[in-house]
C-alpha atoms as a PDB file:
ATOM      1  CA  MET A   1       0.255   0.055  -0.146  1.00  0.00           C
ATOM      2  CA  GLN A   2       1.151   3.694  -0.941  1.00  0.00           C
ATOM      3  CA  HIS A   3       1.366   5.727   2.106  1.00  0.00           C
ATOM      4  CA  GLN A   4       0.759   9.394   2.210  1.00  0.00           C
ATOM      5  CA  THR A   5       3.020  12.031   4.052  1.00  0.00           C
ATOM      6  CA  SER A   6       2.848  15.397   4.846  1.00  0.00           C
ATOM      7  CA  TYR A   7       5.232  17.553   6.950  1.00  0.00           C
ATOM      8  CA  LEU A   8       3.472  19.543   9.505  1.00  0.00           C
ATOM      9  CA  ASN A   9       5.622  22.561   9.903  1.00  0.00           C
ATOM     10  CA  ASN A  10       8.297  23.259   6.879  1.00  0.00           C
ATOM     11  CA  ASP A  11      10.748  20.557   7.767  1.00  0.00           C
ATOM     12  CA  PHE A  12       9.680  19.775  10.942  1.00  0.00           C
ATOM     13  CA  GLY A  13       7.637  16.441  11.656  1.00  0.00           C
ATOM     14  CA  ILE A  14       6.044  14.647   9.257  1.00  0.00           C
ATOM     15  CA  CYS A  15       2.862  12.744   8.853  1.00  0.00           C
ATOM     16  CA  ILE A  16       2.289   9.199   7.249  1.00  0.00           C
ATOM     17  CA  ASP A  17      -1.226   8.052   6.854  1.00  0.00           C
ATOM     18  CA  ASP A  18      -2.774   5.044   5.431  1.00  0.00           C
ATOM     19  CA  VAL A  19      -0.968   2.896   8.021  1.00  0.00           C
ATOM     20  CA  THR A  20      -2.030  -0.614   8.525  1.00  0.00           C
ATOM     21  CA  LYS A  21      -1.710  -2.915  11.623  1.00  0.00           C
ATOM     22  CA  ASN A  22       0.527  -5.293   9.376  1.00  0.00           C
ATOM     23  CA  ASP A  23       2.761  -2.145   8.845  1.00  0.00           C
ATOM     24  CA  LEU A  24       3.704  -1.985  12.288  1.00  0.00           C
ATOM     25  CA  HIS A  25       5.314  -5.414  11.688  1.00  0.00           C
ATOM     26  CA  ASN A  26       7.142  -5.078   8.720  1.00  0.00           C
ATOM     27  CA  SER A  27      11.212  -4.668   8.707  1.00  0.00           C
ATOM     28  CA  SER A  28      10.453  -2.065   5.203  1.00  0.00           C
ATOM     29  CA  PHE A  29       7.879  -0.087   7.035  1.00  0.00           C
ATOM     30  CA  GLN A  30       9.800   0.505  10.303  1.00  0.00           C
ATOM     31  CA  ALA A  31      13.303   1.352   7.968  1.00  0.00           C
ATOM     32  CA  TYR A  32      11.157   3.867   6.083  1.00  0.00           C
ATOM     33  CA  ALA A  33       9.533   5.665   9.121  1.00  0.00           C
ATOM     34  CA  TYR A  34      12.913   5.699  10.982  1.00  0.00           C
ATOM     35  CA  GLU A  35      14.339   7.480   8.006  1.00  0.00           C
ATOM     36  CA  LEU A  36      12.032   9.734   8.167  1.00  0.00           C
ATOM     37  CA  TRP A  37      11.988  10.357  11.839  1.00  0.00           C
ATOM     38  CA  VAL A  38      15.667  11.234  11.742  1.00  0.00           C
ATOM     39  CA  GLN A  39      14.778  13.465   8.455  1.00  0.00           C
ATOM     40  CA  SER A  40      12.442  15.482   9.663  1.00  0.00           C
ATOM     41  CA  GLY A  41      13.903  16.764  12.930  1.00  0.00           C
ATOM     42  CA  GLY A  42      12.853  14.030  15.133  1.00  0.00           C
ATOM     43  CA  LEU A  43       8.849  14.174  15.174  1.00  0.00           C
ATOM     44  CA  LEU A  44       6.975  11.557  13.519  1.00  0.00           C
ATOM     45  CA  ALA A  45       3.177  10.634  13.262  1.00  0.00           C
ATOM     46  CA  ILE A  46       1.425   7.685  12.012  1.00  0.00           C
ATOM     47  CA  ARG A  47      -2.171   7.407  11.269  1.00  0.00           C
ATOM     48  CA  GLY A  48      -4.507   4.904  10.014  1.00  0.00           C
ATOM     49  CA  ALA A  49      -8.258   4.146  10.178  1.00  0.00           C
ATOM     50  CA  ASN A  50      -7.312   0.492  11.841  1.00  0.00           C
ATOM     51  CA  LEU A  51      -4.609   1.611  14.155  1.00  0.00           C
ATOM     52  CA  VAL A  52      -7.213   2.405  16.769  1.00  0.00           C
ATOM     53  CA  ASN A  53      -7.739  -1.128  18.359  1.00  0.00           C
ATOM     54  CA  ILE A  54      -3.963  -2.071  18.362  1.00  0.00           C
ATOM     55  CA  SER A  55      -2.019  -4.484  20.912  1.00  0.00           C
ATOM     56  CA  PRO A  56       0.472  -3.726  23.585  1.00  0.00           C
ATOM     57  CA  VAL A  57       2.396  -6.287  20.975  1.00  0.00           C
ATOM     58  CA  ASP A  58       1.935  -3.782  18.192  1.00  0.00           C
ATOM     59  CA  PHE A  59       2.736  -0.731  19.927  1.00  0.00           C
ATOM     60  CA  ILE A  60       5.844  -2.273  21.062  1.00  0.00           C
ATOM     61  CA  SER A  61       6.819  -3.479  17.847  1.00  0.00           C
ATOM     62  CA  ILE A  62       6.591  -0.293  16.021  1.00  0.00           C
ATOM     63  CA  SER A  63       8.190   1.600  18.859  1.00  0.00           C
ATOM     64  CA  ASN A  64      11.836  -0.595  18.778  1.00  0.00           C
ATOM     65  CA  SER A  65      12.291   0.935  15.509  1.00  0.00           C
ATOM     66  CA  PHE A  66      13.183   4.433  16.965  1.00  0.00           C
ATOM     67  CA  GLY A  67      15.318   2.668  20.061  1.00  0.00           C
ATOM     68  CA  LYS A  68      14.856   0.170  22.349  1.00  0.00           C
ATOM     69  CA  VAL A  69      12.194   0.231  24.651  1.00  0.00           C
ATOM     70  CA  GLU A  70      12.510   0.692  28.405  1.00  0.00           C
ATOM     71  CA  GLN A  71      11.462  -2.260  30.248  1.00  0.00           C
ATOM     72  CA  GLU A  72      11.612  -1.182  33.677  1.00  0.00           C
ATOM     73  CA  MET A  73       8.794   1.482  34.962  1.00  0.00           C
ATOM     74  CA  GLN A  74       9.684   4.656  36.858  1.00  0.00           C
ATOM     75  CA  ALA A  75       9.513   5.164  40.890  1.00  0.00           C
ATOM     76  CA  ALA A  76       5.959   5.759  41.932  1.00  0.00           C
ATOM     77  CA  ARG A  77       4.092   4.981  39.014  1.00  0.00           C
ATOM     78  CA  ASP A  78       3.670   1.318  38.709  1.00  0.00           C
ATOM     79  CA  ASP A  79       0.405   1.293  39.558  1.00  0.00           C
ATOM     80  CA  LYS A  80      -0.255   3.068  35.941  1.00  0.00           C
ATOM     81  CA  SER A  81       1.127   0.755  33.342  1.00  0.00           C
ATOM     82  CA  VAL A  82      -0.440  -1.786  31.309  1.00  0.00           C
ATOM     83  CA  ASP A  83      -0.779  -5.230  32.750  1.00  0.00           C
ATOM     84  CA  GLY A  84       2.269  -6.783  31.566  1.00  0.00           C
ATOM     85  CA  TYR A  85       4.446  -4.439  29.567  1.00  0.00           C
ATOM     86  CA  PRO A  86       6.701  -1.297  29.982  1.00  0.00           C
ATOM     87  CA  ILE A  87       3.669   1.149  28.940  1.00  0.00           C
ATOM     88  CA  LEU A  88       2.841   3.627  31.038  1.00  0.00           C
ATOM     89  CA  ARG A  89      -1.115   4.874  30.718  1.00  0.00           C
ATOM     90  CA  ILE A  90      -1.678   8.580  31.201  1.00  0.00           C
ATOM     91  CA  GLY A  91      -4.938  10.402  31.271  1.00  0.00           C
ATOM     92  CA  ASN A  92      -7.783  10.349  33.376  1.00  0.00           C
ATOM     93  CA  VAL A  93      -9.341   6.595  32.584  1.00  0.00           C
ATOM     94  CA  LYS A  94     -10.298   4.748  35.902  1.00  0.00           C
ATOM     95  CA  ASN A  95     -10.916   1.340  36.518  1.00  0.00           C
ATOM     96  CA  ASP A  96     -14.338  -0.780  37.571  1.00  0.00           C
ATOM     97  CA  ASN A  97     -13.511   0.357  41.051  1.00  0.00           C
ATOM     98  CA  GLY A  98     -13.548   4.078  40.275  1.00  0.00           C
ATOM     99  CA  ASP A  99      -9.805   4.060  40.927  1.00  0.00           C
ATOM    100  CA  SER A 100      -7.325   6.105  38.899  1.00  0.00           C
ATOM    101  CA  ILE A 101      -5.144   3.748  36.231  1.00  0.00           C
ATOM    102  CA  SER A 102      -3.687   6.208  34.356  1.00  0.00           C
ATOM    103  CA  GLN A 103      -0.922   9.320  35.647  1.00  0.00           C
ATOM    104  CA  PHE A 104      -2.876  12.569  35.161  1.00  0.00           C
ATOM    105  CA  ALA A 105      -1.419  16.436  35.427  1.00  0.00           C
ATOM    106  CA  GLN A 106      -4.167  19.097  35.215  1.00  0.00           C
ATOM    107  CA  VAL A 107      -3.145  21.782  32.850  1.00  0.00           C
ATOM    108  CA  PRO A 108      -4.871  24.432  31.098  1.00  0.00           C
ATOM    109  CA  LYS A 109      -6.517  24.056  27.931  1.00  0.00           C
ATOM    110  CA  LEU A 110      -5.557  26.037  24.596  1.00  0.00           C
ATOM    111  CA  SER A 111      -7.575  28.871  24.493  1.00  0.00           C
ATOM    112  CA  CYS A 112      -6.203  29.729  20.709  1.00  0.00           C
ATOM    113  CA  ASP A 113      -3.059  28.765  19.095  1.00  0.00           C
ATOM    114  CA  ALA A 114      -1.429  31.964  20.399  1.00  0.00           C
ATOM    115  CA  ASP A 115      -1.424  29.989  23.755  1.00  0.00           C
ATOM    116  CA  ILE A 116       1.501  27.737  22.343  1.00  0.00           C
ATOM    117  CA  GLN A 117       4.032  29.761  22.575  1.00  0.00           C
ATOM    118  CA  TYR A 118       5.715  30.152  26.256  1.00  0.00           C
ATOM    119  CA  ASN A 119       4.332  32.950  28.391  1.00  0.00           C
ATOM    120  CA  PRO A 120       6.837  33.983  30.781  1.00  0.00           C
ATOM    121  CA  LYS A 121       4.274  35.452  32.874  1.00  0.00           C
ATOM    122  CA  THR A 122       1.890  32.018  33.546  1.00  0.00           C
ATOM    123  CA  LYS A 123       5.127  30.078  33.040  1.00  0.00           C
ATOM    124  CA  ARG A 124       2.472  28.172  30.368  1.00  0.00           C
ATOM    125  CA  PRO A 125       2.752  25.679  28.757  1.00  0.00           C
ATOM    126  CA  VAL A 126       4.901  23.200  30.759  1.00  0.00           C
ATOM    127  CA  TRP A 127       7.483  22.807  27.702  1.00  0.00           C
ATOM    128  CA  HIS A 128       9.983  20.353  28.789  1.00  0.00           C
ATOM    129  CA  THR A 129      12.446  17.582  27.739  1.00  0.00           C
ATOM    130  CA  ASP A 130      11.839  14.461  29.031  1.00  0.00           C
ATOM    131  CA  SER A 131      13.656  12.885  31.731  1.00  0.00           C
ATOM    132  CA  THR A 132      16.937  14.449  31.789  1.00  0.00           C
ATOM    133  CA  PHE A 133      16.827  14.096  35.560  1.00  0.00           C
ATOM    134  CA  ARG A 134      18.262  10.706  34.514  1.00  0.00           C
ATOM    135  CA  LYS A 135      21.566   8.768  34.900  1.00  0.00           C
ATOM    136  CA  LYS A 136      20.884   7.727  31.429  1.00  0.00           C
ATOM    137  CA  PRO A 137      18.166   9.902  30.187  1.00  0.00           C
ATOM    138  CA  PRO A 138      16.265   8.685  26.782  1.00  0.00           C
ATOM    139  CA  ILE A 139      16.680   9.548  23.355  1.00  0.00           C
ATOM    140  CA  GLY A 140      12.957   9.772  22.769  1.00  0.00           C
ATOM    141  CA  SER A 141       8.910   8.455  24.052  1.00  0.00           C
ATOM    142  CA  VAL A 142       6.186   7.338  21.805  1.00  0.00           C
ATOM    143  CA  PHE A 143       2.497   7.867  22.397  1.00  0.00           C
ATOM    144  CA  HIS A 144      -0.342   5.803  21.343  1.00  0.00           C
ATOM    145  CA  CYS A 145      -3.771   7.072  21.358  1.00  0.00           C
ATOM    146  CA  ARG A 146      -6.129   4.963  22.908  1.00  0.00           C
ATOM    147  CA  LYS A 147      -9.343   7.562  24.068  1.00  0.00           C
ATOM    148  CA  ALA A 148      -9.324  11.024  22.787  1.00  0.00           C
ATOM    149  CA  PRO A 149     -11.710  14.052  23.839  1.00  0.00           C
ATOM    150  CA  SER A 150     -13.744  16.017  21.237  1.00  0.00           C
ATOM    151  CA  SER A 151     -11.332  18.775  21.422  1.00  0.00           C
ATOM    152  CA  GLY A 152      -8.313  19.756  23.805  1.00  0.00           C
ATOM    153  CA  GLY A 153      -5.890  17.412  24.394  1.00  0.00           C
ATOM    154  CA  GLU A 154      -3.271  18.660  21.886  1.00  0.00           C
ATOM    155  CA  THR A 155       0.104  18.260  22.761  1.00  0.00           C
ATOM    156  CA  LEU A 156       2.640  20.267  21.354  1.00  0.00           C
ATOM    157  CA  PHE A 157       6.481  19.910  19.861  1.00  0.00           C
ATOM    158  CA  ALA A 158       9.076  22.478  19.034  1.00  0.00           C
ATOM    159  CA  ASP A 159      11.727  22.161  17.093  1.00  0.00           C
ATOM    160  CA  THR A 160      15.364  22.886  19.492  1.00  0.00           C
ATOM    161  CA  ARG A 161      17.543  22.338  16.864  1.00  0.00           C
ATOM    162  CA  THR A 162      16.106  24.867  14.204  1.00  0.00           C
ATOM    163  CA  ALA A 163      15.661  27.151  17.473  1.00  0.00           C
ATOM    164  CA  PHE A 164      19.086  26.750  18.224  1.00  0.00           C
ATOM    165  CA  GLU A 165      20.726  27.235  14.576  1.00  0.00           C
ATOM    166  CA  TYR A 166      18.734  30.844  14.773  1.00  0.00           C
ATOM    167  CA  LEU A 167      20.437  32.069  18.071  1.00  0.00           C
ATOM    168  CA  ASP A 168      23.374  34.770  17.494  1.00  0.00           C
ATOM    169  CA  GLU A 169      26.826  33.551  18.004  1.00  0.00           C
ATOM    170  CA  GLU A 170      27.404  35.155  21.207  1.00  0.00           C
ATOM    171  CA  LYS A 171      24.451  33.168  23.274  1.00  0.00           C
ATOM    172  CA  LYS A 172      25.441  30.094  21.638  1.00  0.00           C
ATOM    173  CA  HIS A 173      28.604  29.951  23.186  1.00  0.00           C
ATOM    174  CA  GLN A 174      27.490  31.092  26.520  1.00  0.00           C
ATOM    175  CA  LEU A 175      25.045  28.060  26.328  1.00  0.00           C
ATOM    176  CA  GLU A 176      27.462  25.461  25.495  1.00  0.00           C
ATOM    177  CA  LYS A 177      29.333  26.439  28.837  1.00  0.00           C
ATOM    178  CA  LEU A 178      26.335  26.003  31.017  1.00  0.00           C
ATOM    179  CA  GLU A 179      24.732  22.553  32.186  1.00  0.00           C
ATOM    180  CA  ALA A 180      21.252  21.958  34.132  1.00  0.00           C
ATOM    181  CA  ILE A 181      20.773  19.878  37.603  1.00  0.00           C
ATOM    182  CA  CYS A 182      17.869  17.837  37.257  1.00  0.00           C
ATOM    183  CA  SER A 183      16.014  16.125  39.867  1.00  0.00           C
ATOM    184  CA  LEU A 184      13.025  13.595  39.948  1.00  0.00           C
ATOM    185  CA  ALA A 185      11.909  14.724  43.276  1.00  0.00           C
ATOM    186  CA  HIS A 186      12.236  18.416  42.644  1.00  0.00           C
ATOM    187  CA  HIS A 187      10.099  17.302  39.496  1.00  0.00           C
ATOM    188  CA  ASP A 188       7.540  15.894  41.127  1.00  0.00           C
ATOM    189  CA  LYS A 189       6.950  17.970  43.816  1.00  0.00           C
ATOM    190  CA  LYS A 190       6.796  20.699  41.487  1.00  0.00           C
ATOM    191  CA  ILE A 191       3.887  19.156  39.668  1.00  0.00           C
ATOM    192  CA  ASN A 192       2.255  18.130  42.658  1.00  0.00           C
ATOM    193  CA  THR A 193       1.963  21.617  43.664  1.00  0.00           C
ATOM    194  CA  TYR A 194      -0.658  22.321  41.112  1.00  0.00           C
ATOM    195  CA  SER A 195      -1.719  18.800  40.669  1.00  0.00           C
ATOM    196  CA  PRO A 196      -2.401  17.441  44.250  1.00  0.00           C
ATOM    197  CA  ASP A 197      -2.892  13.914  43.087  1.00  0.00           C
ATOM    198  CA  TYR A 198       0.310  13.889  41.344  1.00  0.00           C
ATOM    199  CA  PRO A 199       2.611  11.205  42.985  1.00  0.00           C
ATOM    200  CA  THR A 200       5.926  12.479  44.989  1.00  0.00           C
ATOM    201  CA  LEU A 201       8.771  10.576  46.146  1.00  0.00           C
ATOM    202  CA  THR A 202       9.367   8.919  49.291  1.00  0.00           C
ATOM    203  CA  PRO A 203      12.921   9.476  51.213  1.00  0.00           C
ATOM    204  CA  GLU A 204      13.881   6.258  49.889  1.00  0.00           C
ATOM    205  CA  GLN A 205      12.906   6.744  46.264  1.00  0.00           C
ATOM    206  CA  ARG A 206      14.402  10.041  46.248  1.00  0.00           C
ATOM    207  CA  LEU A 207      17.818   8.314  47.922  1.00  0.00           C
ATOM    208  CA  ALA A 208      17.717   6.053  44.877  1.00  0.00           C
ATOM    209  CA  ASN A 209      17.055   8.702  42.494  1.00  0.00           C
ATOM    210  CA  PRO A 210      20.147  11.619  42.892  1.00  0.00           C
ATOM    211  CA  PRO A 211      19.649  14.890  40.928  1.00  0.00           C
ATOM    212  CA  MET A 212      22.034  14.264  37.538  1.00  0.00           C
ATOM    213  CA  ARG A 213      23.672  17.105  35.170  1.00  0.00           C
ATOM    214  CA  VAL A 214      23.072  17.434  31.301  1.00  0.00           C
ATOM    215  CA  PRO A 215      24.290  19.826  29.031  1.00  0.00           C
ATOM    216  CA  LEU A 216      21.905  22.957  27.807  1.00  0.00           C
ATOM    217  CA  VAL A 217      23.362  22.162  23.893  1.00  0.00           C
ATOM    218  CA  LEU A 218      23.104  18.844  23.094  1.00  0.00           C
ATOM    219  CA  THR A 219      25.350  16.869  20.246  1.00  0.00           C
ATOM    220  CA  HIS A 220      23.007  15.077  18.174  1.00  0.00           C
ATOM    221  CA  PRO A 221      24.739  11.717  17.936  1.00  0.00           C
ATOM    222  CA  VAL A 222      23.050  10.085  14.512  1.00  0.00           C
ATOM    223  CA  THR A 223      22.909  13.988  12.402  1.00  0.00           C
ATOM    224  CA  GLY A 224      25.891  15.957  14.539  1.00  0.00           C
ATOM    225  CA  LYS A 225      23.626  18.755  14.701  1.00  0.00           C
ATOM    226  CA  ARG A 226      23.179  21.013  17.860  1.00  0.00           C
ATOM    227  CA  ALA A 227      20.068  21.260  19.788  1.00  0.00           C
ATOM    228  CA  LEU A 228      19.113  23.207  23.343  1.00  0.00           C
ATOM    229  CA  TYR A 229      18.390  20.568  25.944  1.00  0.00           C
ATOM    230  CA  GLY A 230      17.649  20.343  29.810  1.00  0.00           C
ATOM    231  CA  VAL A 231      14.560  21.920  29.263  1.00  0.00           C
ATOM    232  CA  ASN A 232      12.368  20.068  32.135  1.00  0.00           C
ATOM    233  CA  SER A 233       9.717  20.066  35.550  1.00  0.00           C
ATOM    234  CA  SER A 234      13.006  18.553  36.961  1.00  0.00           C
ATOM    235  CA  THR A 235      14.922  21.377  35.889  1.00  0.00           C
ATOM    236  CA  CYS A 236      16.322  23.272  39.377  1.00  0.00           C
ATOM    237  CA  SER A 237      19.671  25.013  38.853  1.00  0.00           C
ATOM    238  CA  ILE A 238      21.929  26.322  35.720  1.00  0.00           C
ATOM    239  CA  VAL A 239      25.147  26.213  36.384  1.00  0.00           C
ATOM    240  CA  PRO A 240      28.914  26.473  34.841  1.00  0.00           C
ATOM    241  CA  ILE A 241      29.483  22.954  33.760  1.00  0.00           C
ATOM    242  CA  GLY A 242      31.154  21.160  36.977  1.00  0.00           C
ATOM    243  CA  GLU A 243      30.044  23.759  39.494  1.00  0.00           C
ATOM    244  CA  LYS A 244      29.402  22.124  43.145  1.00  0.00           C
ATOM    245  CA  VAL A 245      26.128  22.928  44.653  1.00  0.00           C
ATOM    246  CA  CYS A 246      25.100  22.454  48.544  1.00  0.00           C
ATOM    247  CA  SER A 247      22.807  20.045  49.752  1.00  0.00           C
ATOM    248  CA  GLU A 248      20.739  22.772  51.676  1.00  0.00           C
ATOM    249  CA  ASP A 249      19.994  23.634  48.078  1.00  0.00           C
ATOM    250  CA  LEU A 250      19.173  20.286  46.833  1.00  0.00           C
ATOM    251  CA  ASP A 251      16.979  19.703  49.720  1.00  0.00           C
ATOM    252  CA  TYR A 252      14.926  22.924  49.416  1.00  0.00           C
ATOM    253  CA  TRP A 253      14.696  22.462  45.202  1.00  0.00           C
ATOM    254  CA  ASP A 254      13.395  18.837  45.924  1.00  0.00           C
ATOM    255  CA  LEU A 255      10.763  19.204  48.971  1.00  0.00           C
ATOM    256  CA  GLU A 256       9.433  22.518  48.032  1.00  0.00           C
ATOM    257  CA  GLY A 257       9.358  22.162  44.480  1.00  0.00           C
ATOM    258  CA  CYS A 258      11.063  25.447  44.312  1.00  0.00           C
ATOM    259  CA  GLU A 259      13.518  26.268  41.742  1.00  0.00           C
ATOM    260  CA  ASP A 260      16.835  28.491  41.676  1.00  0.00           C
ATOM    261  CA  GLU A 261      17.025  31.650  39.789  1.00  0.00           C
ATOM    262  CA  SER A 262      19.247  30.594  37.348  1.00  0.00           C
ATOM    263  CA  VAL A 263      16.341  28.614  35.799  1.00  0.00           C
ATOM    264  CA  SER A 264      15.523  32.100  34.245  1.00  0.00           C
ATOM    265  CA  ILE A 265      18.382  31.519  31.494  1.00  0.00           C
ATOM    266  CA  LEU A 266      16.303  28.301  29.933  1.00  0.00           C
ATOM    267  CA  ARG A 267      12.917  29.953  30.785  1.00  0.00           C
ATOM    268  CA  ASP A 268      14.145  33.428  29.307  1.00  0.00           C
ATOM    269  CA  LEU A 269      14.734  31.630  25.833  1.00  0.00           C
ATOM    270  CA  LEU A 270      11.336  29.604  26.004  1.00  0.00           C
ATOM    271  CA  PRO A 271       9.323  32.303  23.906  1.00  0.00           C
ATOM    272  CA  HIS A 272      11.664  32.385  21.107  1.00  0.00           C
ATOM    273  CA  VAL A 273      12.016  28.148  20.844  1.00  0.00           C
ATOM    274  CA  THR A 274       8.443  27.652  21.367  1.00  0.00           C
ATOM    275  CA  GLY A 275       7.303  30.031  18.529  1.00  0.00           C
ATOM    276  CA  PRO A 276       5.378  29.913  15.330  1.00  0.00           C
ATOM    277  CA  ASN A 277       8.108  28.792  13.150  1.00  0.00           C
ATOM    278  CA  PHE A 278       9.508  26.380  15.480  1.00  0.00           C
ATOM    279  CA  THR A 279       6.237  24.718  16.971  1.00  0.00           C
ATOM    280  CA  VAL A 280       3.915  21.676  15.914  1.00  0.00           C
ATOM    281  CA  LYS A 281       0.545  20.993  17.461  1.00  0.00           C
ATOM    282  CA  TRP A 282      -0.672  18.010  16.932  1.00  0.00           C
ATOM    283  CA  SER A 283      -4.699  17.090  17.605  1.00  0.00           C
ATOM    284  CA  TRP A 284      -5.144  13.723  18.718  1.00  0.00           C
ATOM    285  CA  ARG A 285      -7.170  10.855  16.798  1.00  0.00           C
ATOM    286  CA  ALA A 286      -8.138   7.411  18.807  1.00  0.00           C
ATOM    287  CA  GLY A 287      -5.261   5.090  16.900  1.00  0.00           C
ATOM    288  CA  ASP A 288      -2.379   7.528  16.366  1.00  0.00           C
ATOM    289  CA  ILE A 289       1.338   6.809  17.127  1.00  0.00           C
ATOM    290  CA  VAL A 290       3.384  10.081  17.625  1.00  0.00           C
ATOM    291  CA  ILE A 291       7.236   9.637  18.088  1.00  0.00           C
ATOM    292  CA  TRP A 292       9.739  12.269  19.188  1.00  0.00           C
ATOM    293  CA  ASP A 293      13.486  12.561  19.001  1.00  0.00           C
ATOM    294  CA  ASN A 294      14.288  13.998  23.246  1.00  0.00           C
ATOM    295  CA  ARG A 295      17.858  14.820  22.077  1.00  0.00           C
ATOM    296  CA  CYS A 296      15.969  17.331  19.097  1.00  0.00           C
ATOM    297  CA  THR A 297      12.471  18.513  20.176  1.00  0.00           C
ATOM    298  CA  ILE A 298      10.704  19.999  23.518  1.00  0.00           C
ATOM    299  CA  HIS A 299       7.029  19.319  24.053  1.00  0.00           C
ATOM    300  CA  ALA A 300       3.843  20.408  26.172  1.00  0.00           C
ATOM    301  CA  ALA A 301       0.759  18.652  27.169  1.00  0.00           C
ATOM    302  CA  THR A 302      -2.979  20.846  26.799  1.00  0.00           C
ATOM    303  CA  GLY A 303      -5.988  20.073  28.708  1.00  0.00           C
ATOM    304  CA  PHE A 304      -9.432  18.951  28.442  1.00  0.00           C
ATOM    305  CA  ASP A 305     -12.785  18.837  29.948  1.00  0.00           C
ATOM    306  CA  HIS A 306     -11.608  16.122  31.744  1.00  0.00           C
ATOM    307  CA  ASP A 307     -15.190  16.409  34.442  1.00  0.00           C
ATOM    308  CA  ASN A 308     -17.086  15.241  31.316  1.00  0.00           C
ATOM    309  CA  GLU A 309     -14.544  13.596  28.670  1.00  0.00           C
ATOM    310  CA  GLN A 310     -12.059  10.902  28.928  1.00  0.00           C
ATOM    311  CA  ARG A 311      -8.428  10.949  27.124  1.00  0.00           C
ATOM    312  CA  GLU A 312      -6.347   7.566  27.440  1.00  0.00           C
ATOM    313  CA  MET A 313      -2.822   8.103  26.176  1.00  0.00           C
ATOM    314  CA  TRP A 314       0.123   4.552  26.031  1.00  0.00           C
ATOM    315  CA  ARG A 315       3.675   5.579  26.048  1.00  0.00           C
ATOM    316  CA  VAL A 316       6.902   3.879  25.754  1.00  0.00           C
ATOM    317  CA  THR A 317      10.086   5.328  26.424  1.00  0.00           C
ATOM    318  CA  LEU A 318      12.773   5.304  24.467  1.00  0.00           C
ATOM    319  CA  HIS A 319      16.976   4.512  24.493  1.00  0.00           C
ATOM    320  CA  ASP A 320      19.977   3.402  22.129  1.00  0.00           C
ATOM    321  CA  LYS A 321      19.996  -0.038  20.917  1.00  0.00           C
ATOM    322  CA  GLU A 322      23.207  -1.520  22.283  1.00  0.00           C
END
């Protein structure tokens, strides 16, 4: 079958349409999809009429085309996984007992497309790079839509590779000397302050997940292109590469969910990075699969009428193939 393709914003992001369930297991299609993913700045959407009820095996099969699917769930999220698979549910679905079986964060709906661009006053949308707090941050993630609300719930994506290219040389040089301190405990507490059902780490989990450092400018290992990095809710401080940070500051950032003023270095860049020239708004349909490269994109969730409608996403995390 011939597949229709279309770019989402100039040369950033591409959608393959008319995809079948069988394609998800076809090695030729998998190789074709991977090449498009690399060529389009690390954002690929897959859409097809019969992808609505794909199985966990189908989902993991296509996901493994882009990296190695992580097998372990992150701390405090075990009860939100698809039974027997390393798939995290995101949304507001519950089981027959009324218990939540999906990870949910309450965020504002888009009122118009102007809301896509980061607003320094409201600090919304929450644009981010995934899991920079981990010892080996993932190379990407894959979302599959199981249930979509009638409106809202879009996912936003920004091209940090092209956005970096458009910065002046002085700014590029400044950013290359800096790194972000990223903490899972800080991340979870920060989200918990505005979404009280969001889990926070126990003292034991915090000890097992110490803060990590990542560069603000990352050179992509496949394309060789530089991109902005470290934009994450776990980022609690920006420091010169190698600079020490005291434990009292780390405790404050982790336990109170507060960040150091130095994080404004990244926040000040976000209106530029999330401008219309570098962004895509993806409106989900049930069955959609979207793969993004964590090394050269950032993304953000948007809200929906969660009191009256349901949204369920499946998500897997990707690492380098070894």
